[in-house]
C-alpha cells in the first residue's frame, strides 16, 4: 500500500517524535511498504539515516508570515517555495524560541481552524500534491496538532486517516487564555474526524482519550521500537573503591525533564559518607529559551562547590549517544512532565544501563515490562536520591537490572515489531485489495 506519513519537524533539533517517525518509516520500507515520510514546519532531524522527503509542507516561515500579514496569504505558490528553503527555516527556528505565548496561541488556533484559518493556502498545497502526485491509500499524521488538515484531506482523498499521539499536551498546556480553550475545543472537533489513533503506551492512550474526548477503543497502543544496531550491553563494571560511580541524565535540558531535581538529589548523595565517589553526566539538547533554566542549574552546582563532579556534554549524535550511555552506571530521568514517550529510557536499557524513574506517566509501564530499573516518588529529590543510592550500594543488582532491561528491549521494543504492528493497523483500515505502487 502507499502510505503518506506527515511528520512534524522540531526546528532543527533531535526530538523523540522525529526519531520515532523516521525509524517507523524506514522499518515499514524494510517490510516492502511504499511509504513517503513528508516533513511539516521544518525538515526532520534524526540521528539515523534520514528517509524523509526533501520538500517541507506547512513551512514554518510561510505559516508565520501568513499569520502576521494578509499579503502572504495570497502570494503565488512559487514565491512561497523560497520561504521553505533550509536557510529560511533555520531563521524561523531561531526566532520561534522567542515567540511570546500570545503569538503561539494565535498561530495554534489558526492552524487548527484548517481550511478556515490563515494557513488555508498551505493546506491547499498539501492536499493537491497528495491527490495528484502521491495518491496514497492511507494518510498518517504524526500528531494531533496537524488535525486542522483532516477535513480537507478526507474530502479530497477519500482514504483513512491515522493520527499519532506524541506529547501534544505539554505544548497546549503552555498556552494562555483565550487561546488555550479555543485550541482545546478545535482539537476535539478536528480529531473527531480521524479514523484511528496510535499512542506509544497505555498511559498516554488513556490520557488522550480523555483529553480529546474520544472513545478509548479508537486508540491503538504500538510501542516504540529501536534500531538496535550499535546498541549493546556496556562493559561490566569493575570499579575499585576509589573509582567514581557515574549517574547519567539524557534528555532535553528543560524544566519539565527534571534535571534540577537530579541536581538536588545528587547533592544529597554527595553528603552520604557510605557511598563511593560520584559524578554526574548530563546530555541533551538545550534551546535558547531554556538558557535561564540552565543558568539556575549552574549556579546551584557552583554554590554547592562540586563543579568538578558535574559534566554537561551537550547534544549527541547516535555514536556519541551510545558512548555516553556506556559511560554510565545508571541513568535517572526525574521528569516533572508525565512522560508520553521516554525514548531515551528505552535507549539506556538497550545498552544495559539500569534506570531510576518517577512513578508517573509511561514510566511505570516501562519498568513493569522491562524490569530494567526502579521507580521513586515524583518531584522529590529525597526518594530519588534514595533509589539511586540503593543501586550504587548494590552494583550486582544494578547490573542484573540492566541486563534484564536489555533482554526485554531486544524481545519487545524493536523497530521490526513496531512496523509489523503498524502495518497490521493500516491493513485493517484500507479497503482491499489495494493497488500496487506501479499503478499510481
Protein backbone atom coordinates (compact mmCIF):
# COMPACT_ATOMS: atom_id res chain seq x y z
CA UNK A 1 0.00 0.00 0.00
CA UNK A 2 1.08 3.61 -0.44
CA UNK A 3 1.33 5.49 2.85
CA UNK A 4 1.64 9.27 3.19
CA UNK A 5 3.15 9.91 6.61
CA UNK A 6 3.23 13.57 7.72
CA UNK A 7 5.97 14.15 10.29
CA UNK A 8 6.47 17.35 12.25
CA UNK A 9 9.96 18.85 12.28
CA UNK A 10 11.32 20.12 15.58
CA UNK A 11 13.13 23.29 14.46
CA UNK A 12 16.48 21.64 13.80
CA UNK A 13 16.83 19.63 17.00
CA UNK A 14 16.63 15.95 17.76
CA UNK A 15 13.25 15.08 19.23
CA UNK A 16 11.58 11.85 20.23
CA UNK A 17 8.75 12.23 17.72
CA UNK A 18 11.14 12.77 14.79
CA UNK A 19 13.25 9.78 15.81
CA UNK A 20 10.10 7.67 16.10
CA UNK A 21 8.62 8.74 12.76
CA UNK A 22 11.85 8.22 10.83
CA UNK A 23 12.53 4.85 12.44
CA UNK A 24 8.96 3.67 11.73
CA UNK A 25 9.08 4.82 8.10
CA UNK A 26 12.38 3.05 7.50
CA UNK A 27 11.15 -0.15 9.13
CA UNK A 28 7.97 -0.12 7.05
CA UNK A 29 10.07 0.27 3.91
CA UNK A 30 12.08 -2.74 5.01
CA UNK A 31 8.80 -4.67 5.11
CA UNK A 32 8.16 -3.67 1.50
CA UNK A 33 5.64 -0.89 2.08
CA UNK A 34 5.58 2.19 -0.16
CA UNK A 35 5.79 5.00 2.40
CA UNK A 36 6.62 8.69 1.98
CA UNK A 37 7.77 10.48 5.14
CA UNK A 38 6.76 14.08 4.49
CA UNK A 39 8.15 16.83 6.78
CA UNK A 40 5.96 19.67 8.00
CA UNK A 41 7.02 23.00 9.56
CA UNK A 42 10.77 22.27 9.35
CA UNK A 43 12.92 19.42 8.00
CA UNK A 44 13.16 16.36 10.22
CA UNK A 45 16.40 15.79 12.10
CA UNK A 46 17.36 12.29 13.14
CA UNK A 47 20.49 10.53 14.36
CA UNK A 48 19.90 7.64 11.93
CA UNK A 49 19.61 7.55 8.14
CA UNK A 50 17.05 10.21 7.28
CA UNK A 51 14.39 8.75 4.95
CA UNK A 52 12.15 11.84 4.82
CA UNK A 53 11.34 13.80 1.66
CA UNK A 54 13.25 17.00 0.95
CA UNK A 55 10.10 19.07 0.41
CA UNK A 56 8.56 20.64 3.52
CA UNK A 57 4.84 21.41 3.78
CA UNK A 58 3.37 23.98 6.18
CA UNK A 59 6.85 25.51 6.08
CA UNK A 60 7.39 27.38 9.31
CA UNK A 61 8.29 30.69 7.67
CA UNK A 62 5.18 30.69 5.48
CA UNK A 63 2.97 29.67 8.39
CA UNK A 64 4.40 32.51 10.46
CA UNK A 65 4.17 35.14 7.72
CA UNK A 66 0.62 34.16 6.79
CA UNK A 67 -0.35 34.53 10.42
CA UNK A 68 1.13 38.02 10.60
CA UNK A 69 0.11 39.52 7.24
CA UNK A 70 -2.80 39.04 4.84
CA UNK A 71 -0.41 39.77 1.97
CA UNK A 72 1.34 36.42 2.39
CA UNK A 73 -1.98 34.55 2.35
CA UNK A 74 -2.29 35.46 -1.33
CA UNK A 75 1.26 35.26 -2.65
CA UNK A 76 1.88 32.82 -5.55
CA UNK A 77 2.96 29.33 -4.56
CA UNK A 78 6.30 29.56 -6.39
CA UNK A 79 7.22 32.51 -4.14
CA UNK A 80 6.22 30.57 -1.05
CA UNK A 81 8.74 27.89 -2.05
CA UNK A 82 11.56 30.39 -1.47
CA UNK A 83 10.50 30.75 2.16
CA UNK A 84 10.65 26.98 2.62
CA UNK A 85 14.39 26.89 1.90
CA UNK A 86 16.62 25.43 4.63
CA UNK A 87 18.16 28.82 5.42
CA UNK A 88 14.77 30.45 5.92
CA UNK A 89 13.54 27.59 8.07
CA UNK A 90 16.71 27.84 10.14
CA UNK A 91 15.89 31.51 10.66
CA UNK A 92 12.43 30.64 11.95
CA UNK A 93 13.89 28.02 14.26
CA UNK A 94 15.98 30.71 15.93
CA UNK A 95 13.10 33.19 16.06
CA UNK A 96 10.48 30.75 17.33
CA UNK A 97 12.26 30.32 20.67
CA UNK A 98 11.50 33.95 21.39
CA UNK A 99 7.84 33.96 20.39
CA UNK A 100 5.50 35.02 23.15
CA UNK A 101 2.78 32.71 24.42
CA UNK A 102 0.16 35.02 22.87
CA UNK A 103 1.73 34.74 19.41
CA UNK A 104 1.99 30.96 19.72
CA UNK A 105 -1.63 30.78 20.86
CA UNK A 106 -2.94 32.77 17.91
CA UNK A 107 -0.91 30.66 15.48
CA UNK A 108 -2.05 27.39 17.06
CA UNK A 109 -5.72 28.35 16.91
CA UNK A 110 -5.45 29.48 13.30
CA UNK A 111 -3.66 26.29 12.24
CA UNK A 112 -6.28 24.11 13.93
CA UNK A 113 -9.00 26.07 12.12
CA UNK A 114 -7.73 24.37 8.98
CA UNK A 115 -9.48 25.47 5.81
CA UNK A 116 -10.95 28.43 7.73
CA UNK A 117 -7.64 29.56 9.22
CA UNK A 118 -4.98 31.92 7.96
CA UNK A 119 -2.84 29.00 6.77
CA UNK A 120 -5.51 27.53 4.45
CA UNK A 121 -3.25 28.07 1.45
CA UNK A 122 -0.75 25.65 3.00
CA UNK A 123 -3.46 23.02 3.36
CA UNK A 124 -4.45 23.50 -0.26
CA UNK A 125 -0.85 22.90 -1.40
CA UNK A 126 -0.57 19.70 0.63
CA UNK A 127 -3.91 18.29 -0.42
CA UNK A 128 -3.37 18.99 -4.11
CA UNK A 129 0.09 17.39 -4.07
CA UNK A 130 -1.16 14.31 -2.29
CA UNK A 131 -4.15 13.98 -4.62
CA UNK A 132 -2.26 14.46 -7.87
CA UNK A 133 1.28 13.22 -7.24
CA UNK A 134 1.10 10.75 -4.37
CA UNK A 135 -2.41 9.26 -4.38
CA UNK A 136 -1.99 7.45 -1.07
CA UNK A 137 -4.08 4.58 0.24
CA UNK A 138 -3.82 5.95 3.77
CA UNK A 139 -2.59 9.15 5.47
CA UNK A 140 -0.84 9.13 8.84
CA UNK A 141 -0.43 12.37 10.83
CA UNK A 142 2.43 12.20 13.32
CA UNK A 143 0.49 14.15 15.96
CA UNK A 144 -2.89 15.72 16.56
CA UNK A 145 -1.61 19.28 16.10
CA UNK A 146 -1.83 18.56 12.36
CA UNK A 147 -5.54 17.80 12.67
CA UNK A 148 -6.54 21.11 11.08
CA UNK A 149 -5.91 19.46 7.71
CA UNK A 150 -8.06 16.37 8.35
CA UNK A 151 -11.31 17.67 6.84
CA UNK A 152 -9.68 18.81 3.61
CA UNK A 153 -7.75 15.54 3.34
CA UNK A 154 -10.89 13.46 3.77
CA UNK A 155 -12.91 15.46 1.27
CA UNK A 156 -10.26 15.27 -1.48
CA UNK A 157 -8.54 11.93 -0.91
CA UNK A 158 -11.30 9.67 0.47
CA UNK A 159 -8.80 7.50 2.36
CA UNK A 160 -8.49 6.52 6.03
CA UNK A 161 -6.59 8.90 8.29
CA UNK A 162 -4.50 7.74 11.23
CA UNK A 163 -3.18 10.17 13.84
CA UNK A 164 -0.29 9.63 16.25
CA UNK A 165 -0.37 10.93 19.80
CA UNK A 166 3.04 12.23 20.79
CA UNK A 167 3.04 14.61 23.75
CA UNK A 168 0.91 17.42 22.33
CA UNK A 169 -0.44 18.23 25.78
CA UNK A 170 2.83 19.71 27.02
CA UNK A 171 2.66 22.38 24.30
CA UNK A 172 -1.06 23.05 24.66
CA UNK A 173 -0.89 23.38 28.43
CA UNK A 174 1.61 26.20 27.95
CA UNK A 175 -0.89 28.35 26.02
CA UNK A 176 -2.71 31.22 27.70
CA UNK A 177 -6.38 32.14 27.54
CA UNK A 178 -8.39 32.60 25.43
CA UNK A 179 -6.21 30.60 23.03
CA UNK A 180 -5.88 27.59 25.30
CA UNK A 181 -9.63 26.95 25.46
CA UNK A 182 -10.08 27.72 21.76
CA UNK A 183 -7.30 25.33 20.78
CA UNK A 184 -8.63 22.54 23.02
CA UNK A 185 -12.11 22.86 21.52
CA UNK A 186 -10.83 22.94 17.95
CA UNK A 187 -8.59 19.96 18.60
CA UNK A 188 -11.55 17.92 19.85
CA UNK A 189 -13.65 18.91 16.84
CA UNK A 190 -10.97 18.11 14.29
CA UNK A 191 -9.78 14.84 15.80
CA UNK A 192 -13.37 13.57 15.82
CA UNK A 193 -12.90 13.09 12.05
CA UNK A 194 -9.80 10.88 12.42
CA UNK A 195 -10.30 7.16 11.77
CA UNK A 196 -7.76 5.78 14.21
CA UNK A 197 -5.19 6.97 16.74
CA UNK A 198 -1.87 5.47 17.83
CA UNK A 199 -0.11 6.02 21.17
CA UNK A 200 3.26 4.64 22.28
CA UNK A 201 1.97 3.39 25.64
CA UNK A 202 -1.20 2.70 27.55
CA UNK A 203 -0.77 5.67 29.87
CA UNK A 204 -0.86 8.22 27.06
CA UNK A 205 -3.65 6.40 25.25
CA UNK A 206 -5.81 6.67 28.37
CA UNK A 207 -4.80 10.28 28.97
CA UNK A 208 -5.51 11.45 25.42
CA UNK A 209 -8.83 9.63 25.22
CA UNK A 210 -9.99 11.97 27.96
CA UNK A 211 -8.06 14.99 26.63
CA UNK A 212 -9.55 14.69 23.13
CA UNK A 213 -12.93 13.36 24.29
CA UNK A 214 -12.68 10.29 22.06
CA UNK A 215 -13.53 6.67 22.87
CA UNK A 216 -10.52 4.79 24.24
CA UNK A 217 -11.19 1.91 21.84
CA UNK A 218 -10.27 4.19 18.92
CA UNK A 219 -6.66 4.35 20.16
CA UNK A 220 -4.17 1.56 19.43
CA UNK A 221 -1.04 1.18 21.53
CA UNK A 222 2.05 0.43 19.46
CA UNK A 223 5.26 0.58 21.46
CA UNK A 224 8.22 2.47 20.06
CA UNK A 225 10.82 0.22 18.52
CA UNK A 226 14.57 0.81 18.32
CA UNK A 227 17.07 0.02 15.61
CA UNK A 228 19.41 -1.95 17.85
CA UNK A 229 22.40 -1.66 15.50
CA UNK A 230 25.29 -0.42 17.63
CA UNK A 231 23.39 -0.71 20.89
CA UNK A 232 24.91 -3.30 23.19
CA UNK A 233 25.45 -4.09 26.82
CA UNK A 234 28.04 -1.74 28.21
CA UNK A 235 31.19 -3.37 29.59
CA UNK A 236 30.70 -4.90 33.03
CA UNK A 237 31.62 -2.53 35.84
CA UNK A 238 34.72 -3.44 37.85
CA UNK A 239 35.08 -0.33 39.96
CA UNK A 240 37.80 -0.01 42.51
CA UNK A 241 36.73 1.54 45.83
CA UNK A 242 38.04 4.96 44.83
CA UNK A 243 36.54 4.93 41.29
CA UNK A 244 33.52 7.22 40.89
CA UNK A 245 30.08 5.81 40.16
CA UNK A 246 28.58 7.70 37.24
CA UNK A 247 24.96 8.84 37.26
CA UNK A 248 23.58 9.98 33.91
CA UNK A 249 20.83 12.25 32.60
CA UNK A 250 19.85 12.09 28.93
CA UNK A 251 17.02 14.38 27.79
CA UNK A 252 16.35 17.96 26.80
CA UNK A 253 17.70 20.47 29.28
CA UNK A 254 14.34 21.86 30.30
CA UNK A 255 12.33 22.23 33.50
CA UNK A 256 9.78 19.60 32.53
CA UNK A 257 12.53 16.98 32.16
CA UNK A 258 13.65 17.44 35.75
CA UNK A 259 17.42 17.98 35.66
CA UNK A 260 17.06 20.36 38.62
CA UNK A 261 15.62 17.51 40.70
CA UNK A 262 18.54 15.28 39.82
CA UNK A 263 20.98 18.04 40.78
CA UNK A 264 19.31 18.33 44.19
CA UNK A 265 19.33 14.56 44.62
CA UNK A 266 23.00 14.42 43.63
CA UNK A 267 23.80 16.99 46.30
CA UNK A 268 22.14 14.74 48.88
CA UNK A 269 24.12 11.74 47.63
CA UNK A 270 27.42 13.59 47.94
CA UNK A 271 26.68 14.15 51.62
CA UNK A 272 26.29 10.42 52.28
CA UNK A 273 29.63 9.13 53.62
CA UNK A 274 28.66 5.50 52.96
CA UNK A 275 28.69 5.96 49.18
CA UNK A 276 31.70 5.75 46.86
CA UNK A 277 32.87 8.81 44.90
CA UNK A 278 30.22 10.03 42.49
CA UNK A 279 29.97 12.03 39.30
CA UNK A 280 27.00 13.32 37.30
CA UNK A 281 26.99 13.45 33.49
CA UNK A 282 24.21 15.14 31.52
CA UNK A 283 23.50 15.18 27.79
CA UNK A 284 20.74 16.57 25.60
CA UNK A 285 19.55 19.49 23.52
CA UNK A 286 19.17 22.91 25.10
CA UNK A 287 17.18 25.67 23.41
CA UNK A 288 17.78 29.39 23.75
CA UNK A 289 14.50 29.58 25.63
CA UNK A 290 15.85 27.24 28.32
CA UNK A 291 19.08 29.16 28.88
CA UNK A 292 17.74 30.82 32.03
CA UNK A 293 16.82 27.40 33.44
CA UNK A 294 20.34 26.13 32.69
CA UNK A 295 21.82 29.18 34.38
CA UNK A 296 19.98 28.33 37.61
CA UNK A 297 21.39 24.79 37.46
CA UNK A 298 24.94 26.07 37.01
CA UNK A 299 24.53 28.50 39.90
CA UNK A 300 23.21 25.71 42.12
CA UNK A 301 26.16 23.47 41.27
CA UNK A 302 28.64 26.28 41.82
CA UNK A 303 27.08 27.20 45.16
CA UNK A 304 27.37 23.59 46.29
CA UNK A 305 31.01 23.50 45.19
CA UNK A 306 31.02 20.31 43.12
CA UNK A 307 31.56 21.65 39.60
CA UNK A 308 34.36 19.13 39.15
CA UNK A 309 31.86 16.28 39.60
CA UNK A 310 29.33 17.56 37.04
CA UNK A 311 29.69 17.48 33.26
CA UNK A 312 27.27 18.60 30.54
CA UNK A 313 28.31 17.18 27.16
CA UNK A 314 25.60 18.82 25.02
CA UNK A 315 23.58 17.34 22.19
CA UNK A 316 24.80 13.98 20.89
CA UNK A 317 24.63 12.13 17.60
CA UNK A 318 23.94 8.38 17.51
CA UNK A 319 27.53 7.27 18.09
CA UNK A 320 28.04 9.83 20.81
CA UNK A 321 24.80 8.81 22.47
CA UNK A 322 25.83 5.17 22.71
CA UNK A 323 29.28 6.10 24.02
CA UNK A 324 27.65 8.35 26.61
CA UNK A 325 25.31 5.58 27.78
CA UNK A 326 28.21 3.15 28.04
CA UNK A 327 29.94 5.57 30.43
CA UNK A 328 27.10 5.36 32.97
CA UNK A 329 26.46 3.12 35.95
CA UNK A 330 22.80 4.14 35.91
CA UNK A 331 20.53 6.76 34.35
CA UNK A 332 17.95 8.88 36.15
CA UNK A 333 15.26 10.87 34.37
CA UNK A 334 13.12 12.56 37.05
CA UNK A 335 10.65 14.30 34.74
CA UNK A 336 8.10 16.76 36.09
CA UNK A 337 6.03 16.21 32.97
CA UNK A 338 4.15 12.91 32.85
CA UNK A 339 6.19 11.42 30.03
CA UNK A 340 4.36 10.32 26.88
CA UNK A 341 7.35 8.77 25.06
CA UNK A 342 10.55 8.38 27.11
CA UNK A 343 12.61 7.04 24.20
CA UNK A 344 15.91 7.81 25.93
CA UNK A 345 14.90 5.40 28.69
CA UNK A 346 14.47 2.61 26.14
CA UNK A 347 17.86 3.52 24.63
CA UNK A 348 19.53 3.34 28.04
CA UNK A 349 18.03 -0.09 28.65
CA UNK A 350 19.14 -1.23 25.18
CA UNK A 351 22.68 -0.65 26.45
CA UNK A 352 22.05 -2.48 29.75
CA UNK A 353 22.03 0.76 31.76
CA UNK A 354 19.57 0.47 34.68
CA UNK A 355 17.22 3.41 35.17
CA UNK A 356 15.62 5.29 38.05
CA UNK A 357 12.35 6.95 37.10
CA UNK A 358 9.43 8.79 38.73
CA UNK A 359 6.30 6.70 39.21
CA UNK A 360 4.13 8.58 36.75
CA UNK A 361 3.39 8.86 33.02
CA UNK A 362 4.63 5.98 30.88
CA UNK A 363 7.41 5.03 33.27
CA UNK A 364 5.56 2.52 35.48
CA UNK A 365 4.65 0.60 32.30
CA UNK A 366 8.24 0.60 31.10
CA UNK A 367 9.56 -0.71 34.41
CA UNK A 368 6.84 -3.37 34.58
CA UNK A 369 7.50 -4.50 31.00
CA UNK A 370 11.30 -4.42 31.05
CA UNK A 371 12.31 -4.99 34.67
CA UNK A 372 15.17 -2.60 34.00
CA UNK A 373 15.13 -0.26 36.96
CA UNK A 374 13.43 1.33 39.93
CA UNK A 375 10.56 3.77 40.43
CA UNK A 376 10.50 6.54 43.02
CA UNK A 377 8.09 9.18 44.22
CA UNK A 378 7.90 12.05 41.69
CA UNK A 379 9.16 15.62 42.11
CA UNK A 380 11.06 14.97 45.32
CA UNK A 381 14.87 14.80 45.42
CA UNK A 382 14.97 12.67 48.60
CA UNK A 383 13.30 9.48 47.29
CA UNK A 384 15.15 9.96 44.01
CA UNK A 385 18.45 10.04 45.89
CA UNK A 386 17.41 7.00 47.95
CA UNK A 387 16.63 4.94 44.83
CA UNK A 388 19.92 5.92 43.19
CA UNK A 389 21.85 5.09 46.38
CA UNK A 390 20.16 1.70 46.51
CA UNK A 391 21.64 0.76 43.14
CA UNK A 392 25.04 2.29 43.83
CA UNK A 393 25.35 0.27 47.03
CA UNK A 394 24.39 -2.92 45.24
CA UNK A 395 26.23 -2.93 41.88
CA UNK A 396 25.40 -6.60 41.33
CA UNK A 397 21.70 -5.85 41.45
CA UNK A 398 22.19 -2.81 39.23
CA UNK A 399 23.98 -4.98 36.70
CA UNK A 400 21.18 -7.54 36.80
CA UNK A 401 18.53 -4.87 36.25
CA UNK A 402 20.46 -3.52 33.28
CA UNK A 403 20.83 -6.95 31.72
CA UNK A 404 17.16 -7.76 32.27
CA UNK A 405 16.23 -4.45 30.68
CA UNK A 406 18.43 -5.08 27.67
CA UNK A 407 16.95 -8.52 27.08
CA UNK A 408 13.42 -7.10 27.34
CA UNK A 409 14.19 -4.35 24.80
CA UNK A 410 15.56 -6.93 22.34
CA UNK A 411 12.41 -9.01 22.73
CA UNK A 412 9.68 -6.39 22.71
CA UNK A 413 10.91 -2.96 21.65
CA UNK A 414 12.37 -3.50 18.18
CA UNK A 415 11.70 -1.49 15.04
CA UNK A 416 10.63 -4.62 13.16
CA UNK A 417 7.95 -5.40 15.73
CA UNK A 418 6.73 -1.78 15.71
CA UNK A 419 6.48 -1.72 11.91
CA UNK A 420 4.65 -5.05 11.75
CA UNK A 421 2.03 -3.84 14.24
CA UNK A 422 1.65 -0.53 12.40
CA UNK A 423 1.21 -2.29 9.06
CA UNK A 424 -1.43 -4.57 10.57
CA UNK A 425 -3.35 -1.46 11.69
CA UNK A 426 -3.16 0.04 8.21
CA UNK A 427 -4.36 -3.21 6.66
CA UNK A 428 -7.43 -3.20 8.90
CA UNK A 429 -8.34 0.29 7.70
CA UNK A 430 -7.55 0.15 3.98
CA UNK A 431 -10.17 -1.45 1.74
CA UNK A 432 -8.70 -4.45 -0.05
CA UNK A 433 -7.22 -5.17 -2.42
CA UNK A 434 -5.06 -2.05 -2.69
CA UNK A 435 -3.38 -1.24 -5.95
CA UNK A 436 0.34 -1.84 -6.44
CA UNK A 437 2.71 1.15 -6.23
CA UNK A 438 3.28 0.97 -10.00
CA UNK A 439 -0.37 1.80 -10.67
CA UNK A 440 -0.10 5.21 -9.00
